[in-house]
Amino acid sequence: MMMKFKYRARTAAGAVTLMAGALLSAGCDVKNELLAPQQPGVISPSDVNSATAADALYTGAMGRWKTSINGGGGNTEALWNWQALFTDELRSGDTFSQRNDADQRNLATNDGVLTPIYRAVAQARGRARDAINALLTYDQTATGKQHVGETYYAMGYIEMIMSQSFCNGIPFGETVDGAPQYGQPMTNADASKFAIAHLDSALLYLTATDAGTVAIKYGVLVAKARAQADLADFAGAAATVASVPTNFQYNFTYSQTSNTDNEWWVMGPSVKRYNAGDSTDLAGPILNAIPFASLNDPRVSVKVDGKAEDNTSVYFGVNNWGRDDPVPVASGIDARLIEAEAKLQANDIAGMTSILNALRTSPQVIGVFKVPAMSTLPTPGSKDAAINLLFREKALWQYERGYRMDDLRRLVRQYNRSQDKVFPAGNFTRNGTPVGVFGTQVAFPVPDDEKINPNFLGCLDTKA
């Protein structure tokens, strides 16, 4: 089952403005007003107190969610993109210091790219809450109920992935009647529980049996299971996704007609800022890194294409995604990998390998990217080898889809491996020149912007 979602406006504010403008234009005197000076309009509360307006807020919230996670064009990073640079998925082929700092795992709390990324996901979460409140008030239809469930999905997903990306200490606040309600800093574990609560709320509204509602429900179940895995509830996570079919996908979609480009295409083939990660570069070996660029695995399509944006690095371009190609936020492949980890945790290494081989021996589709059937893998002879195999397979199946950073953190936190045996390590190359070594960060710092919240004084800690 593949579900594609196209959004009609890029922001909630944009959606409401367009709707209000259409209503106002119906009563204008075209002859006298068409060439009149254009001034910003004021949207009164009565303009957004309707089911139509609630639907516009929903549409905007969905657009904000997508652009905060994987951008929408404009040569501007979003959260997935920054995660990939921070891990071994990508290497910077760019001259901008912020991208190189992310690649080196050496981010400052006032980083000029991380700060707007954090702001975007926090604001997207707030837009989701606004849409939920409006839908619950003004749209009691079956469609309204589905939209409430999907918007809770967006809200819970954002809380989940923020806890997977940022240090312990994220404060989740809200704005009520225009006044900020400052949150208290949360540990990543508490943030995962917070996300699960909102994902459970989504499920309360996704009880219909039509294909659209069921597809959203499957996406919610995958997100909830991810948060359960973050809390080391592996058996619970496997039970959560048991009903999700392997061919399911919930996709972020893109379209030139709506001026939304897949950010992987923008930062990759379009401007060549991102190189596929590898296990070596001009400075020598990159320890712990999967050689995505040179592995020739069918799940990560890489092509050498001249020089990268820095005009020094060889450009290893990722061709999984075209300009308009969808990217799965959640899929049945992800569900099976969650079940495989539960088998690993139960010391059923043969069962884990069986799940991995079932995925490999059938053709799969990721977005619209087709993966042919592959050969089977032998059953690992030890628990440690099984861990290595599972997380390598996860890295290849879930490449550039917001999983890798959390998996590396969990290898430290849950599997008792030191960060220098998990994250990229060794000598680091910047703009084609060896300049030092990789850093030791395992999480993004919460930016200084958050200090407007009097409850937030900085990260509680920077552990995995």
Protein backbone atom coordinates (compact mmCIF):
# COMPACT_ATOMS: atom_id res chain seq x y z
CA MET A 1 0.00 0.00 0.00
CA MET A 2 1.42 3.38 -0.99
CA MET A 3 -0.14 6.60 0.24
CA LYS A 4 0.88 9.97 -1.23
CA PHE A 5 -0.08 13.29 0.33
CA LYS A 6 0.09 16.61 -1.51
CA TYR A 7 -0.38 19.79 0.45
CA ARG A 8 -2.07 22.88 -0.94
CA ALA A 9 -0.25 25.53 1.06
CA ARG A 10 3.22 25.71 2.51
CA THR A 11 2.31 27.27 5.86
CA ALA A 12 -0.76 27.57 8.01
CA ALA A 13 -0.60 31.34 7.80
CA GLY A 14 -0.31 31.11 4.03
CA ALA A 15 -3.31 28.82 3.81
CA VAL A 16 -5.53 31.10 5.86
CA THR A 17 -4.37 34.18 4.01
CA LEU A 18 -5.20 32.65 0.65
CA MET A 19 -8.64 31.62 1.84
CA ALA A 20 -9.45 34.98 3.38
CA GLY A 21 -8.20 36.76 0.27
CA ALA A 22 -10.55 34.71 -1.89
CA LEU A 23 -13.51 35.63 0.31
CA LEU A 24 -12.66 39.32 0.30
CA SER A 25 -12.10 39.47 -3.46
CA ALA A 26 -15.63 38.29 -4.11
CA GLY A 27 -17.03 41.63 -2.96
CA CYS A 28 -14.49 44.02 -4.51
CA ASP A 29 -15.12 46.63 -7.23
CA VAL A 30 -12.62 45.41 -9.81
CA LYS A 31 -12.66 48.65 -11.81
CA ASN A 32 -11.80 50.84 -8.82
CA GLU A 33 -9.69 48.45 -6.76
CA LEU A 34 -7.64 46.32 -9.13
CA LEU A 35 -4.86 48.89 -9.38
CA ALA A 36 -5.20 50.23 -5.84
CA PRO A 37 -2.10 50.12 -3.59
CA GLN A 38 -1.77 46.67 -2.02
CA GLN A 39 -1.56 46.65 1.80
CA PRO A 40 -1.21 43.73 4.18
CA GLY A 41 -4.66 42.57 5.24
CA VAL A 42 -5.80 41.84 8.76
CA ILE A 43 -7.49 38.51 9.38
CA SER A 44 -9.93 38.77 12.24
CA PRO A 45 -10.80 35.84 14.55
CA SER A 46 -14.15 35.47 12.78
CA ASP A 47 -12.35 34.78 9.50
CA VAL A 48 -10.84 31.56 10.85
CA ASN A 49 -13.74 30.31 12.96
CA SER A 50 -15.15 27.78 10.50
CA ALA A 51 -14.61 24.27 9.19
CA THR A 52 -13.10 25.73 6.02
CA ALA A 53 -10.57 27.70 8.02
CA ALA A 54 -9.80 24.70 10.23
CA ASP A 55 -9.10 22.68 7.08
CA ALA A 56 -6.76 25.44 5.89
CA LEU A 57 -4.89 25.29 9.19
CA TYR A 58 -4.61 21.52 8.80
CA THR A 59 -3.23 21.92 5.27
CA GLY A 60 -0.71 24.47 6.44
CA ALA A 61 0.35 22.32 9.38
CA MET A 62 1.00 19.37 7.09
CA GLY A 63 3.10 21.57 4.82
CA ARG A 64 5.08 22.94 7.76
CA TRP A 65 5.74 19.40 8.97
CA LYS A 66 7.15 18.35 5.61
CA THR A 67 9.35 21.41 5.09
CA SER A 68 10.72 21.25 8.65
CA ILE A 69 11.81 17.64 8.18
CA ASN A 70 13.06 17.51 4.56
CA GLY A 71 12.75 21.05 3.26
CA GLY A 72 10.78 22.25 0.31
CA GLY A 73 13.41 23.72 -1.96
CA GLY A 74 15.16 27.04 -1.58
CA ASN A 75 18.57 25.50 -0.92
CA THR A 76 17.82 25.41 2.82
CA GLU A 77 18.44 22.43 5.08
CA ALA A 78 15.86 20.75 7.28
CA LEU A 79 16.23 18.25 10.11
CA TRP A 80 16.76 15.05 8.09
CA ASN A 81 19.43 16.77 6.02
CA TRP A 82 21.40 17.95 9.05
CA GLN A 83 21.17 14.50 10.67
CA ALA A 84 22.66 12.91 7.56
CA LEU A 85 25.66 15.29 7.57
CA PHE A 86 26.19 14.62 11.29
CA THR A 87 26.37 10.87 10.69
CA ASP A 88 28.12 8.76 8.07
CA GLU A 89 25.28 9.04 5.52
CA LEU A 90 26.74 12.17 3.94
CA ARG A 91 29.96 14.16 3.70
CA SER A 92 30.04 17.90 3.07
CA GLY A 93 31.16 18.91 -0.39
CA ASP A 94 30.57 22.54 0.47
CA THR A 95 32.55 25.62 1.50
CA PHE A 96 30.01 26.84 4.08
CA SER A 97 31.49 26.46 7.55
CA GLN A 98 28.20 25.38 9.13
CA ARG A 99 27.85 22.36 6.85
CA ASN A 100 31.44 21.39 7.51
CA ASP A 101 30.90 21.82 11.26
CA ALA A 102 27.90 19.49 11.14
CA ASP A 103 29.91 16.97 9.13
CA GLN A 104 32.73 17.18 11.69
CA ARG A 105 30.32 16.89 14.67
CA ASN A 106 31.46 20.23 16.01
CA LEU A 107 28.29 22.32 16.27
CA ALA A 108 27.97 25.54 18.30
CA THR A 109 24.83 26.59 20.15
CA ASN A 110 24.54 29.64 17.88
CA ASP A 111 25.07 27.72 14.63
CA GLY A 112 23.54 29.69 11.77
CA VAL A 113 21.91 26.66 10.10
CA LEU A 114 20.99 24.54 13.10
CA THR A 115 19.12 27.44 14.72
CA PRO A 116 16.54 27.87 11.91
CA ILE A 117 16.21 24.08 11.65
CA TYR A 118 15.29 23.91 15.33
CA ARG A 119 12.99 26.89 14.98
CA ALA A 120 11.22 25.30 11.99
CA VAL A 121 10.45 22.00 13.70
CA ALA A 122 9.32 23.76 16.90
CA GLN A 123 7.03 26.05 14.90
CA ALA A 124 5.69 23.11 12.87
CA ARG A 125 4.74 21.43 16.12
CA GLY A 126 2.93 24.59 17.20
CA ARG A 127 1.07 24.80 13.89
CA ALA A 128 -0.06 21.21 14.38
CA ARG A 129 -1.48 22.08 17.79
CA ASP A 130 -3.30 25.11 16.33
CA ALA A 131 -4.84 22.95 13.62
CA ILE A 132 -5.93 20.28 16.10
CA ASN A 133 -7.69 22.87 18.28
CA ALA A 134 -9.47 24.38 15.27
CA LEU A 135 -10.52 21.03 13.83
CA LEU A 136 -11.90 19.82 17.15
CA THR A 137 -13.91 23.02 17.45
CA TYR A 138 -15.21 23.52 13.92
CA ASP A 139 -15.05 20.26 11.97
CA GLN A 140 -16.85 17.26 13.43
CA THR A 141 -17.12 15.42 10.10
CA ALA A 142 -15.44 12.12 9.31
CA THR A 143 -12.85 14.04 7.29
CA GLY A 144 -12.27 16.40 10.19
CA LYS A 145 -11.72 13.43 12.49
CA GLN A 146 -9.18 11.95 10.07
CA HIS A 147 -7.39 15.30 9.88
CA VAL A 148 -7.19 15.50 13.67
CA GLY A 149 -5.57 12.07 13.73
CA GLU A 150 -3.09 12.98 11.00
CA THR A 151 -2.17 16.26 12.68
CA TYR A 152 -1.57 14.46 15.98
CA TYR A 153 0.67 12.16 13.94
CA ALA A 154 2.69 15.17 12.76
CA MET A 155 2.91 16.52 16.31
CA GLY A 156 4.01 13.21 17.82
CA TYR A 157 6.49 12.54 15.02
CA ILE A 158 8.12 15.94 15.55
CA GLU A 159 8.45 15.32 19.30
CA MET A 160 9.89 11.87 18.62
CA ILE A 161 12.49 13.01 16.09
CA MET A 162 13.50 16.06 18.14
CA SER A 163 14.22 13.79 21.09
CA GLN A 164 16.27 11.56 18.77
CA SER A 165 18.28 14.49 17.43
CA PHE A 166 18.84 17.01 20.22
CA CYS A 167 20.49 16.85 23.62
CA ASN A 168 18.62 16.05 26.80
CA GLY A 169 16.72 19.17 27.84
CA ILE A 170 14.29 20.12 25.06
CA PRO A 171 11.44 22.27 26.43
CA PHE A 172 8.19 21.72 24.51
CA GLY A 173 6.11 24.86 24.92
CA GLU A 174 2.91 26.13 23.36
CA THR A 175 1.23 29.42 22.53
CA VAL A 176 -2.27 29.81 23.97
CA ASP A 177 -4.39 32.80 22.91
CA GLY A 178 -1.25 34.52 21.70
CA ALA A 179 0.65 34.06 24.97
CA PRO A 180 3.68 31.72 25.19
CA GLN A 181 3.41 28.86 27.66
CA TYR A 182 7.03 27.99 28.36
CA GLY A 183 7.81 24.29 28.74
CA GLN A 184 10.19 22.71 31.20
CA PRO A 185 13.28 20.96 29.84
CA MET A 186 12.67 17.25 29.20
CA THR A 187 15.05 14.35 29.01
CA ASN A 188 15.00 12.50 25.71
CA ALA A 189 13.25 9.59 27.45
CA ASP A 190 10.49 11.85 28.77
CA ALA A 191 10.16 13.45 25.33
CA SER A 192 9.70 9.98 23.81
CA LYS A 193 6.89 9.31 26.28
CA PHE A 194 5.40 12.71 25.42
CA ALA A 195 5.47 11.77 21.73
CA ILE A 196 3.82 8.41 22.40
CA ALA A 197 0.98 10.16 24.24
CA HIS A 198 0.23 12.31 21.19
CA LEU A 199 0.59 9.36 18.82
CA ASP A 200 -1.90 7.46 20.98
CA SER A 201 -4.20 10.48 20.67
CA ALA A 202 -3.87 10.17 16.90
CA LEU A 203 -5.02 6.56 17.03
CA LEU A 204 -8.20 7.59 18.89
CA TYR A 205 -9.27 9.55 15.80
CA LEU A 206 -8.13 7.01 13.19
CA THR A 207 -10.77 4.34 13.68
CA ALA A 208 -12.40 4.47 10.24
CA THR A 209 -11.65 1.67 7.80
CA ASP A 210 -11.24 3.62 4.55
CA ALA A 211 -7.85 3.32 2.83
CA GLY A 212 -6.75 6.88 3.61
CA THR A 213 -7.40 6.61 7.35
CA VAL A 214 -5.81 3.17 7.58
CA ALA A 215 -2.67 4.44 5.83
CA ILE A 216 -2.32 7.31 8.29
CA LYS A 217 -2.84 4.86 11.15
CA TYR A 218 -0.01 2.66 9.88
CA GLY A 219 2.29 5.70 9.80
CA VAL A 220 1.36 6.50 13.39
CA LEU A 221 2.09 2.92 14.46
CA VAL A 222 5.60 3.05 12.93
CA ALA A 223 6.34 6.36 14.68
CA LYS A 224 5.05 5.04 18.00
CA ALA A 225 7.18 1.91 17.67
CA ARG A 226 10.24 4.05 17.01
CA ALA A 227 9.62 5.95 20.24
CA GLN A 228 9.10 2.65 22.07
CA ALA A 229 12.45 1.41 20.75
CA ASP A 230 14.04 4.62 22.03
CA LEU A 231 12.71 3.60 25.46
CA ALA A 232 14.09 0.06 24.98
CA ASP A 233 10.58 -1.42 24.80
CA PHE A 234 11.51 -3.64 21.88
CA ALA A 235 8.82 -6.28 22.33
CA GLY A 236 6.18 -3.55 22.65
CA ALA A 237 7.49 -1.86 19.51
CA ALA A 238 7.26 -5.10 17.52
CA ALA A 239 3.70 -5.66 18.71
CA THR A 240 2.78 -2.10 17.70
CA VAL A 241 3.80 -2.59 14.05
CA ALA A 242 2.66 -6.20 13.63
CA SER A 243 -0.34 -5.16 11.51
CA VAL A 244 1.63 -2.87 9.16
CA PRO A 245 2.02 -4.48 5.71
CA THR A 246 5.50 -4.56 4.22
CA ASN A 247 4.43 -2.67 1.07
CA PHE A 248 2.98 0.27 3.04
CA GLN A 249 4.40 3.80 2.61
CA TYR A 250 3.45 7.17 4.02
CA ASN A 251 5.25 9.64 1.78
CA PHE A 252 6.24 13.25 1.83
CA THR A 253 5.50 14.39 -1.73
CA TYR A 254 6.97 17.18 -3.85
CA SER A 255 5.90 19.06 -6.95
CA GLN A 256 7.35 21.84 -9.09
CA THR A 257 3.84 23.18 -9.65
CA SER A 258 3.47 23.81 -5.91
CA ASN A 259 7.05 25.11 -5.66
CA THR A 260 8.18 22.30 -3.36
CA ASP A 261 11.31 20.41 -4.31
CA ASN A 262 12.70 17.33 -2.63
CA GLU A 263 15.56 18.78 -0.57
CA TRP A 264 17.76 15.74 -1.21
CA TRP A 265 17.67 16.62 -4.90
CA VAL A 266 18.32 20.32 -4.21
CA MET A 267 21.34 19.81 -1.94
CA GLY A 268 22.56 16.85 -3.99
CA PRO A 269 22.42 16.75 -7.80
CA SER A 270 21.17 20.33 -8.16
CA VAL A 271 23.89 22.21 -6.24
CA LYS A 272 26.24 19.35 -5.22
CA ARG A 273 26.67 20.37 -1.59
CA TYR A 274 26.15 16.84 -0.25
CA ASN A 275 28.39 13.90 -1.09
CA ALA A 276 27.40 10.33 -0.32
CA GLY A 277 29.32 9.22 2.75
CA ASP A 278 32.22 6.82 2.47
CA SER A 279 34.78 5.08 4.66
CA THR A 280 37.74 7.06 3.32
CA ASP A 281 38.64 10.49 1.96
CA LEU A 282 41.76 12.57 1.32
CA ALA A 283 42.68 12.52 5.02
CA GLY A 284 42.59 8.72 5.13
CA PRO A 285 40.18 6.19 6.62
CA ILE A 286 36.92 7.35 8.22
CA LEU A 287 36.51 4.93 11.08
CA ASN A 288 33.11 3.28 11.71
CA ALA A 289 31.61 4.73 8.53
CA ILE A 290 29.64 2.61 6.07
CA PRO A 291 31.11 3.16 2.58
CA PHE A 292 27.81 4.24 1.03
CA ALA A 293 29.58 5.91 -1.92
CA SER A 294 31.69 2.91 -2.93
CA LEU A 295 29.66 -0.03 -1.62
CA ASN A 296 27.61 -0.44 -4.81
CA ASP A 297 24.58 -1.56 -2.82
CA PRO A 298 21.31 -1.30 -4.80
CA ARG A 299 19.60 0.51 -1.91
CA VAL A 300 21.86 3.55 -2.28
CA SER A 301 22.40 4.65 -5.88
CA VAL A 302 25.58 6.70 -6.23
CA LYS A 303 27.13 8.27 -9.33
CA VAL A 304 30.43 10.15 -9.68
CA ASP A 305 29.69 13.45 -11.42
CA GLY A 306 32.60 15.86 -11.57
CA LYS A 307 33.43 18.13 -8.64
CA ALA A 308 31.29 19.00 -5.64
CA GLU A 309 30.30 22.58 -4.81
CA ASP A 310 33.66 23.22 -3.09
CA ASN A 311 35.30 22.62 -6.50
CA THR A 312 37.76 20.26 -4.81
CA SER A 313 35.93 17.13 -3.65
CA VAL A 314 34.93 14.48 -6.13
CA TYR A 315 31.14 14.59 -6.26
CA PHE A 316 29.53 11.28 -5.29
CA GLY A 317 25.89 12.03 -6.02
CA VAL A 318 22.98 10.14 -4.49
CA ASN A 319 20.39 9.33 -7.14
CA ASN A 320 17.66 7.77 -4.98
CA TRP A 321 15.49 10.88 -5.23
CA GLY A 322 14.57 13.10 -8.15
CA ARG A 323 13.25 16.63 -7.90
CA ASP A 324 9.61 15.57 -7.48
CA ASP A 325 10.15 12.12 -6.00
CA PRO A 326 8.36 11.18 -2.77
CA VAL A 327 10.25 10.04 0.32
CA PRO A 328 8.69 7.67 2.87
CA VAL A 329 8.35 9.06 6.40
CA ALA A 330 7.23 5.58 7.43
CA SER A 331 7.07 2.27 5.60
CA GLY A 332 6.38 -1.40 6.07
CA ILE A 333 10.10 -2.00 5.61
CA ASP A 334 10.64 0.06 8.75
CA ALA A 335 8.05 -2.07 10.56
CA ARG A 336 9.89 -5.27 9.65
CA LEU A 337 13.22 -3.83 10.82
CA ILE A 338 11.62 -2.95 14.17
CA GLU A 339 10.49 -6.58 14.45
CA ALA A 340 13.99 -7.76 13.53
CA GLU A 341 15.49 -5.75 16.38
CA ALA A 342 12.99 -7.27 18.79
CA LYS A 343 14.19 -10.70 17.68
CA LEU A 344 17.79 -9.60 18.27
CA GLN A 345 16.92 -8.37 21.74
CA ALA A 346 15.29 -11.72 22.48
CA ASN A 347 18.52 -13.47 21.37
CA ASP A 348 16.69 -14.98 18.40
CA ILE A 349 19.46 -14.26 15.89
CA ALA A 350 18.10 -16.76 13.38
CA GLY A 351 14.69 -15.06 13.57
CA MET A 352 16.29 -11.65 13.04
CA THR A 353 18.19 -12.91 10.01
CA SER A 354 15.04 -14.48 8.58
CA ILE A 355 13.26 -11.11 8.64
CA LEU A 356 16.24 -9.38 7.02
CA ASN A 357 16.41 -12.00 4.29
CA ALA A 358 12.68 -11.80 3.62
CA LEU A 359 13.17 -8.10 2.84
CA ARG A 360 16.22 -8.77 0.68
CA THR A 361 14.79 -11.59 -1.43
CA SER A 362 11.74 -9.64 -2.63
CA PRO A 363 11.87 -6.47 -4.76
CA GLN A 364 11.04 -3.41 -2.66
CA VAL A 365 10.04 0.16 -3.43
CA ILE A 366 11.19 3.16 -1.36
CA GLY A 367 9.22 6.18 -2.51
CA VAL A 368 9.44 5.44 -6.22
CA PHE A 369 13.00 4.14 -5.99
CA LYS A 370 13.02 0.45 -6.93
CA VAL A 371 15.28 -2.00 -5.10
CA PRO A 372 15.73 -5.37 -6.84
CA ALA A 373 15.81 -8.68 -5.03
CA MET A 374 19.14 -9.43 -3.39
CA SER A 375 20.92 -12.52 -2.11
CA THR A 376 20.42 -13.86 1.38
CA LEU A 377 22.72 -13.18 4.31
CA PRO A 378 24.24 -15.90 6.51
CA THR A 379 23.12 -16.06 10.12
CA PRO A 380 25.68 -14.23 12.30
CA GLY A 381 27.66 -16.39 14.68
CA SER A 382 27.53 -14.05 17.66
CA LYS A 383 25.34 -11.40 19.25
CA ASP A 384 27.88 -8.69 18.48
CA ALA A 385 28.02 -9.69 14.82
CA ALA A 386 24.22 -9.73 14.72
CA ILE A 387 24.11 -6.17 16.06
CA ASN A 388 26.54 -5.07 13.37
CA LEU A 389 24.49 -6.77 10.66
CA LEU A 390 21.13 -5.37 11.79
CA PHE A 391 22.28 -1.77 12.01
CA ARG A 392 24.10 -2.00 8.68
CA GLU A 393 20.94 -3.31 7.01
CA LYS A 394 18.91 -0.57 8.70
CA ALA A 395 21.35 2.06 7.45
CA LEU A 396 20.92 0.88 3.86
CA TRP A 397 17.14 0.38 3.88
CA GLN A 398 16.52 3.67 5.71
CA TYR A 399 19.15 5.81 4.02
CA GLU A 400 18.36 9.56 4.16
CA ARG A 401 15.05 8.99 5.94
CA GLY A 402 15.83 10.26 9.44
CA TYR A 403 16.81 6.99 11.14
CA ARG A 404 20.59 6.85 11.18
CA MET A 405 21.34 9.43 13.89
CA ASP A 406 18.95 7.79 16.33
CA ASP A 407 20.42 4.38 15.56
CA LEU A 408 23.97 5.57 16.25
CA ARG A 409 22.86 7.16 19.52
CA ARG A 410 21.07 3.96 20.51
CA LEU A 411 24.19 1.90 19.75
CA VAL A 412 25.91 4.01 22.41
CA ARG A 413 23.04 4.22 24.89
CA GLN A 414 21.43 0.78 24.57
CA TYR A 415 24.21 -1.42 23.19
CA ASN A 416 27.03 -0.05 25.38
CA ARG A 417 29.37 0.97 22.60
CA SER A 418 31.56 4.04 22.97
CA GLN A 419 30.88 6.93 20.59
CA ASP A 420 34.32 6.62 18.98
CA LYS A 421 33.38 3.06 17.94
CA VAL A 422 30.02 4.13 16.47
CA PHE A 423 30.13 7.63 14.96
CA PRO A 424 32.57 8.67 12.21
CA ALA A 425 36.04 9.09 13.72
CA GLY A 426 39.62 9.75 12.66
CA ASN A 427 41.09 12.51 10.51
CA PHE A 428 38.74 15.08 8.99
CA THR A 429 38.96 16.81 5.61
CA ARG A 430 37.52 20.30 5.06
CA ASN A 431 37.26 21.64 1.49
CA GLY A 432 39.70 19.02 0.27
CA THR A 433 42.31 19.67 2.98
CA PRO A 434 42.99 17.57 6.12
CA VAL A 435 42.34 19.97 9.01
CA GLY A 436 41.97 17.90 12.18
CA VAL A 437 39.78 15.14 13.55
CA PHE A 438 36.10 14.42 13.93
CA GLY A 439 34.45 15.78 17.05
CA THR A 440 32.80 13.83 19.84
CA GLN A 441 29.26 15.22 19.81
CA VAL A 442 26.49 12.61 19.71
CA ALA A 443 23.52 15.01 19.73
CA PHE A 444 22.64 18.45 18.43
CA PRO A 445 22.80 21.21 21.03
CA VAL A 446 19.54 23.06 21.63
CA PRO A 447 20.27 26.50 20.11
CA ASP A 448 20.66 29.67 22.17
CA ASP A 449 17.40 30.90 20.65
CA GLU A 450 15.58 28.70 23.16
CA LYS A 451 16.97 30.77 26.05
CA ILE A 452 14.11 33.20 25.59
CA ASN A 453 12.34 30.51 27.63
CA PRO A 454 13.24 31.35 31.25
CA ASN A 455 13.04 27.64 32.13
CA PHE A 456 15.79 26.71 29.68
CA LEU A 457 19.39 27.32 30.73
CA GLY A 458 21.05 24.94 28.28
CA CYS A 459 21.26 21.20 27.70
CA LEU A 460 20.70 19.05 30.76
CA ASP A 461 23.47 16.87 29.34
CA THR A 462 24.88 15.97 25.94
CA LYS A 463 24.87 12.17 26.33
CA ALA A 464 23.52 9.74 23.79
